[in-house]
C-alpha cells in the first residue's frame, strides 16, 4: 500500500508489516494500517487506506506499524455511538473487528484528534476474480458502486490472493490501468503492495465499456515475466430525477388509458 514515508522509516515499516503478515495465520483480507508518523498533523494521511469499503459481515484488521502506540475507536456516523475500541496498539500489534451493520463509520484516535479514517459497510459492491495459473495467485477486483454512473466517483480495490492459503499474497509488483473501447489508456498507476491489496478512486466522464487491466510484474521482490488479467466495467448514464418523473408519468398514463379502455369495453358488452 502507499505509505508516504521516506528512507529508513519506510523500510522499517515494510519489513515489520511483512513479518507480521507472514507470521500470523489469522491475517485477514481487509486491513487498515496506521501510517507511521501519524502523530504529526502535517503528514496529511493517517490511515492506509483512508477509506475502507466492505460488505456487511466482513472484518477489518487494524494494524499499527508505527513506532508509537496508537489507541483507536470506531464510531457510527449515524448516531456517533462507539462500536469498537482497539485498545492501545503497540508497535506491530493488530486487532480485528467484524462489522455486522450497514452504515458509515469514522476511525478516530483517542490520543491524536487529527487522525481520521472512514469505513463504509454496504452491499453496493461488485467483485470479480481471475487467476494467474503460473503464480498460483488469484487477482480479485472490487468496485463500489457496483454499477458506476457517469461523473460518479468509483472506488476500486485489487487484491492478490495466494491460492495455496486463501489469504492475501504480500509483496506484489503491479501495474493498473483502464482502457476504453477506443483503446485509449486512462489512469495508469502501479507500484509495490506490502499486504496484497491496493485501493484507488476513479471518476468516469462518459458512457463506455472500460477495461481495468491489472499487470503483475514481480512476486516476493523477484521480477517475473509480466502477466496480465482484464476485467470489464460498464459505465451507464445516470437517470436524473426529472427523467425518472417523466418515465413514471408515461407509465401511469399508459396504465390509466388501458384501464379506461377496459372499463368502456366492459360496459359496452
Protein backbone atom coordinates (compact mmCIF):
# COMPACT_ATOMS: atom_id res chain seq x y z
CA UNK A 1 0.00 0.00 0.00
CA UNK A 2 1.19 3.57 -0.49
CA UNK A 3 2.73 4.75 2.77
CA UNK A 4 4.08 8.20 2.01
CA UNK A 5 7.25 7.94 4.05
CA UNK A 6 10.94 8.27 3.38
CA UNK A 7 14.21 6.43 3.82
CA UNK A 8 14.75 4.08 6.73
CA UNK A 9 11.28 4.68 8.23
CA UNK A 10 9.62 3.31 5.10
CA UNK A 11 11.94 0.31 5.04
CA UNK A 12 11.29 -0.38 8.72
CA UNK A 13 7.53 -0.23 8.20
CA UNK A 14 7.65 -2.58 5.21
CA UNK A 15 9.86 -5.13 6.95
CA UNK A 16 7.83 -5.00 10.17
CA UNK A 17 4.48 -5.41 8.46
CA UNK A 18 5.84 -8.14 6.18
CA UNK A 19 6.99 -10.21 9.15
CA UNK A 20 3.64 -9.66 10.83
CA UNK A 21 1.65 -10.81 7.80
CA UNK A 22 3.77 -13.86 7.13
CA UNK A 23 3.81 -14.99 10.75
CA UNK A 24 0.10 -14.70 11.59
CA UNK A 25 -2.31 -17.36 10.32
CA UNK A 26 -5.28 -15.14 11.28
CA UNK A 27 -4.35 -12.41 8.79
CA UNK A 28 -7.50 -11.10 7.08
CA UNK A 29 -8.04 -9.65 3.61
CA UNK A 30 -9.24 -6.18 4.65
CA UNK A 31 -6.54 -4.31 6.55
CA UNK A 32 -6.28 -0.70 7.70
CA UNK A 33 -2.80 0.49 8.66
CA UNK A 34 -1.85 3.37 10.89
CA UNK A 35 0.58 5.37 8.74
CA UNK A 36 3.90 5.65 10.63
CA UNK A 37 4.48 9.18 11.90
CA UNK A 38 0.74 9.93 12.15
CA UNK A 39 1.12 11.90 15.37
CA UNK A 40 2.36 14.71 13.09
CA UNK A 41 -0.73 16.60 11.81
CA UNK A 42 1.17 17.82 8.74
CA UNK A 43 1.53 14.27 7.42
CA UNK A 44 -1.83 14.54 5.67
CA UNK A 45 -2.70 10.83 5.51
CA UNK A 46 -3.03 8.95 8.78
CA UNK A 47 -4.62 5.65 7.73
CA UNK A 48 -3.96 3.48 4.73
CA UNK A 49 -6.38 3.17 3.08
CA UNK A 50 -8.10 6.37 4.13
CA UNK A 51 -11.43 4.83 3.12
CA UNK A 52 -12.22 1.14 3.53
CA UNK A 53 -15.37 -0.19 1.83
CA UNK A 54 -16.57 -3.63 2.90
CA UNK A 55 -19.71 -5.74 2.87
CA UNK A 56 -21.83 -6.47 5.91
CA UNK A 57 -20.32 -9.28 7.95
CA UNK A 58 -16.73 -8.67 6.85
CA UNK A 59 -13.93 -7.91 9.27
CA UNK A 60 -11.20 -5.27 9.18
CA UNK A 61 -7.81 -5.78 10.80
CA UNK A 62 -6.35 -2.62 12.31
CA UNK A 63 -2.54 -2.75 12.28
CA UNK A 64 -0.07 -0.37 13.90
CA UNK A 65 3.31 -0.47 12.10
CA UNK A 66 4.31 2.84 13.76
CA UNK A 67 6.97 3.04 16.46
CA UNK A 68 4.42 4.98 18.55
CA UNK A 69 1.47 3.27 20.29
CA UNK A 70 -1.99 4.17 18.96
CA UNK A 71 -5.43 3.85 20.56
CA UNK A 72 -8.30 3.87 18.05
CA UNK A 73 -12.08 3.91 18.34
CA UNK A 74 -14.68 3.32 15.62
CA UNK A 75 -17.85 5.43 15.72
CA UNK A 76 -21.07 5.28 13.72
CA UNK A 77 -21.68 8.43 11.67
CA UNK A 78 -25.44 7.96 12.09
CA UNK A 79 -25.59 8.49 15.85
CA UNK A 80 -21.99 9.00 16.99
CA UNK A 81 -22.08 5.81 19.04
CA UNK A 82 -18.83 3.91 19.53
CA UNK A 83 -18.97 0.45 18.01
CA UNK A 84 -15.40 -0.72 18.62
CA UNK A 85 -12.35 0.13 20.73
CA UNK A 86 -8.99 -1.25 19.62
CA UNK A 87 -7.35 -0.58 22.98
CA UNK A 88 -3.79 0.66 22.87
CA UNK A 89 -1.97 -0.93 19.96
CA UNK A 90 1.76 -1.12 20.50
CA UNK A 91 4.17 -1.17 17.56
CA UNK A 92 3.31 -4.06 15.18
CA UNK A 93 0.23 -5.06 17.17
CA UNK A 94 -3.12 -5.57 15.48
CA UNK A 95 -6.75 -6.29 16.29
CA UNK A 96 -9.75 -7.34 14.20
CA UNK A 97 -13.39 -6.26 14.24
CA UNK A 98 -16.37 -7.69 12.34
CA UNK A 99 -18.89 -5.13 11.05
CA UNK A 100 -22.40 -6.54 11.34
CA UNK A 101 -24.42 -3.42 10.50
CA UNK A 102 -24.66 -1.31 7.34
CA UNK A 103 -23.57 2.31 7.57
CA UNK A 104 -20.75 4.83 7.53
CA UNK A 105 -18.15 4.82 10.28
CA UNK A 106 -15.25 7.02 11.37
CA UNK A 107 -11.91 5.83 12.72
CA UNK A 108 -10.62 8.18 15.39
CA UNK A 109 -7.56 8.33 17.61
CA UNK A 110 -8.09 8.91 21.32
CA UNK A 111 -4.61 10.45 21.53
CA UNK A 112 -4.31 12.46 18.31
CA UNK A 113 -7.62 14.14 17.35
CA UNK A 114 -6.38 14.99 13.85
CA UNK A 115 -6.22 11.30 12.90
CA UNK A 116 -9.37 10.35 10.98
CA UNK A 117 -10.29 7.50 8.66
CA UNK A 118 -13.51 6.23 7.11
CA UNK A 119 -15.31 2.91 6.69
CA UNK A 120 -18.41 2.19 4.60
CA UNK A 121 -20.34 -1.05 5.11
CA UNK A 122 -22.56 -1.68 2.09
CA UNK A 123 -23.73 -4.33 -0.34
CA UNK A 124 -23.26 -1.95 -3.28
CA UNK A 125 -20.05 -3.74 -4.27
CA UNK A 126 -19.22 -5.87 -7.31
CA UNK A 127 -16.30 -8.32 -7.10
CA UNK A 128 -14.61 -10.29 -9.87
CA UNK A 129 -11.74 -12.75 -9.79
CA UNK A 130 -9.29 -14.16 -12.34
CA UNK A 131 -6.31 -16.47 -11.91
CA UNK A 132 -2.60 -16.29 -12.69
CA UNK A 133 -2.05 -20.02 -13.03
CA UNK A 134 1.75 -19.97 -13.16
CA UNK A 135 1.98 -17.93 -9.96
CA UNK A 136 -0.86 -19.64 -8.04
CA UNK A 137 -2.35 -16.20 -7.48
CA UNK A 138 -5.94 -15.05 -7.88
CA UNK A 139 -6.41 -11.39 -8.80
CA UNK A 140 -9.62 -10.05 -7.26
CA UNK A 141 -11.05 -6.73 -8.37
CA UNK A 142 -13.84 -5.00 -6.43
CA UNK A 143 -15.64 -1.77 -7.20
CA UNK A 144 -18.21 0.34 -5.39
CA UNK A 145 -20.74 1.33 -6.50
CA UNK A 146 -21.38 -1.96 -8.27
CA UNK A 147 -22.80 -0.18 -11.34
CA UNK A 148 -20.89 3.09 -11.83
CA UNK A 149 -22.60 6.02 -13.49
CA UNK A 150 -21.17 8.97 -15.39
CA UNK A 151 -19.36 11.51 -13.15
CA UNK A 152 -19.79 9.28 -10.09
CA UNK A 153 -16.65 8.57 -8.08
CA UNK A 154 -15.96 4.84 -8.13
CA UNK A 155 -13.81 3.11 -5.51
CA UNK A 156 -11.65 0.22 -6.69
CA UNK A 157 -9.72 -2.40 -4.77
CA UNK A 158 -7.40 -5.03 -6.21
CA UNK A 159 -6.38 -7.96 -4.01
CA UNK A 160 -3.75 -10.57 -4.80
CA UNK A 161 -4.69 -13.88 -3.15
CA UNK A 162 -2.37 -16.82 -2.58
CA UNK A 163 -4.30 -19.82 -3.93
CA UNK A 164 -2.44 -22.17 -1.59
CA UNK A 165 -3.50 -20.36 1.58
CA UNK A 166 -6.60 -18.43 0.51
CA UNK A 167 -5.09 -15.28 2.05
CA UNK A 168 -3.60 -12.09 0.69
CA UNK A 169 -0.27 -12.58 -1.07
CA UNK A 170 2.19 -9.93 0.19
CA UNK A 171 4.84 -8.22 -1.92
CA UNK A 172 3.44 -7.96 -5.43
CA UNK A 173 4.81 -5.51 -8.01
CA UNK A 174 1.84 -4.46 -10.11
CA UNK A 175 0.55 -2.08 -12.75
CA UNK A 176 -3.03 -0.87 -13.17
CA UNK A 177 -4.77 0.96 -15.98
CA UNK A 178 -8.12 1.40 -17.72
CA UNK A 179 -8.68 1.01 -21.44
CA UNK A 180 -11.80 2.40 -23.10
CA UNK A 181 -13.50 0.96 -26.20
CA UNK A 182 -11.31 3.14 -28.39
CA UNK A 183 -8.11 1.66 -26.98
CA UNK A 184 -7.17 4.78 -25.02
CA UNK A 185 -5.35 4.10 -21.74
CA UNK A 186 -6.53 6.00 -18.67
CA UNK A 187 -5.45 6.37 -15.04
CA UNK A 188 -2.19 4.43 -15.35
CA UNK A 189 -0.74 3.63 -11.92
CA UNK A 190 1.28 0.94 -10.17
CA UNK A 191 3.83 0.13 -7.52
CA UNK A 192 4.56 -2.40 -4.80
CA UNK A 193 1.91 -3.71 -2.42
CA UNK A 194 3.09 -4.81 1.03
CA UNK A 195 -0.08 -6.53 2.20
CA UNK A 196 -1.51 -7.75 -1.10
CA UNK A 197 -4.22 -5.09 -1.52
CA UNK A 198 -4.34 -1.73 -3.28
CA UNK A 199 -7.00 0.98 -3.46
CA UNK A 200 -7.75 3.88 -5.77
CA UNK A 201 -10.64 6.05 -6.96
CA UNK A 202 -11.67 7.00 -10.47
CA UNK A 203 -14.50 9.06 -11.97
CA UNK A 204 -15.68 8.07 -15.44
CA UNK A 205 -16.83 11.04 -17.51
CA UNK A 206 -18.53 9.21 -20.37
CA UNK A 207 -20.68 6.20 -21.11
CA UNK A 208 -18.49 3.36 -22.34
CA UNK A 209 -17.06 -0.04 -21.55
CA UNK A 210 -13.83 0.47 -19.62
CA UNK A 211 -11.47 -2.46 -19.25
CA UNK A 212 -9.49 -2.50 -15.98
CA UNK A 213 -6.14 -4.13 -16.75
CA UNK A 214 -4.01 -5.47 -13.89
CA UNK A 215 -0.39 -6.40 -14.60
CA UNK A 216 1.78 -8.45 -12.23
CA UNK A 217 5.48 -7.66 -12.69
CA UNK A 218 7.08 -9.18 -9.60
CA UNK A 219 6.37 -11.55 -6.70
CA UNK A 220 8.17 -11.55 -3.34
CA UNK A 221 10.71 -8.95 -4.56
CA UNK A 222 11.60 -11.09 -7.60
CA UNK A 223 10.77 -9.89 -11.13
CA UNK A 224 8.66 -12.21 -13.30
CA UNK A 225 7.59 -12.16 -16.93
CA UNK A 226 4.63 -9.80 -16.99
CA UNK A 227 1.24 -11.46 -16.54
CA UNK A 228 -1.99 -9.62 -17.28
CA UNK A 229 -5.64 -10.01 -16.33
CA UNK A 230 -8.53 -7.97 -17.70
CA UNK A 231 -11.98 -7.14 -16.38
CA UNK A 232 -14.99 -5.21 -17.75
CA UNK A 233 -16.59 -2.15 -16.18
CA UNK A 234 -19.70 -0.80 -17.91
CA UNK A 235 -20.49 2.84 -17.16
CA UNK A 236 -24.09 3.91 -17.72
CA UNK A 237 -25.64 7.40 -17.82
CA UNK A 238 -27.34 8.47 -14.63
CA UNK A 239 -31.10 8.97 -14.74
CA UNK A 240 -31.93 12.40 -13.34
CA UNK A 241 -34.95 12.94 -11.09
CA UNK A 242 -36.67 14.74 -13.99
CA UNK A 243 -36.10 11.79 -16.32
CA UNK A 244 -37.42 9.37 -13.71
CA UNK A 245 -40.51 11.55 -13.21
CA UNK A 246 -41.17 11.64 -16.96
CA UNK A 247 -40.82 7.85 -17.21
CA UNK A 248 -43.16 7.29 -14.26
CA UNK A 249 -45.71 9.73 -15.66
CA UNK A 250 -45.62 7.93 -19.01
CA UNK A 251 -46.16 4.56 -17.34
CA UNK A 252 -49.06 5.89 -15.26
CA UNK A 253 -50.57 7.45 -18.36
CA UNK A 254 -50.46 4.17 -20.26
CA UNK A 255 -51.93 2.26 -17.30
CA UNK A 256 -54.76 4.82 -16.89
CA UNK A 257 -55.59 4.73 -20.61
CA UNK A 258 -55.62 0.92 -20.58
CA UNK A 259 -57.96 0.87 -17.57
CA UNK A 260 -60.34 3.36 -19.21
CA UNK A 261 -60.44 1.30 -22.39
CA UNK A 262 -61.04 -1.86 -20.39
CA UNK A 263 -63.88 -0.29 -18.42
CA UNK A 264 -65.55 1.17 -21.51
CA UNK A 265 -65.32 -2.16 -23.30
CA UNK A 266 -66.90 -3.95 -20.32
CA UNK A 267 -69.97 -1.72 -20.22
CA UNK A 268 -70.47 -1.88 -24.00
CA UNK A 269 -70.86 -5.65 -23.94
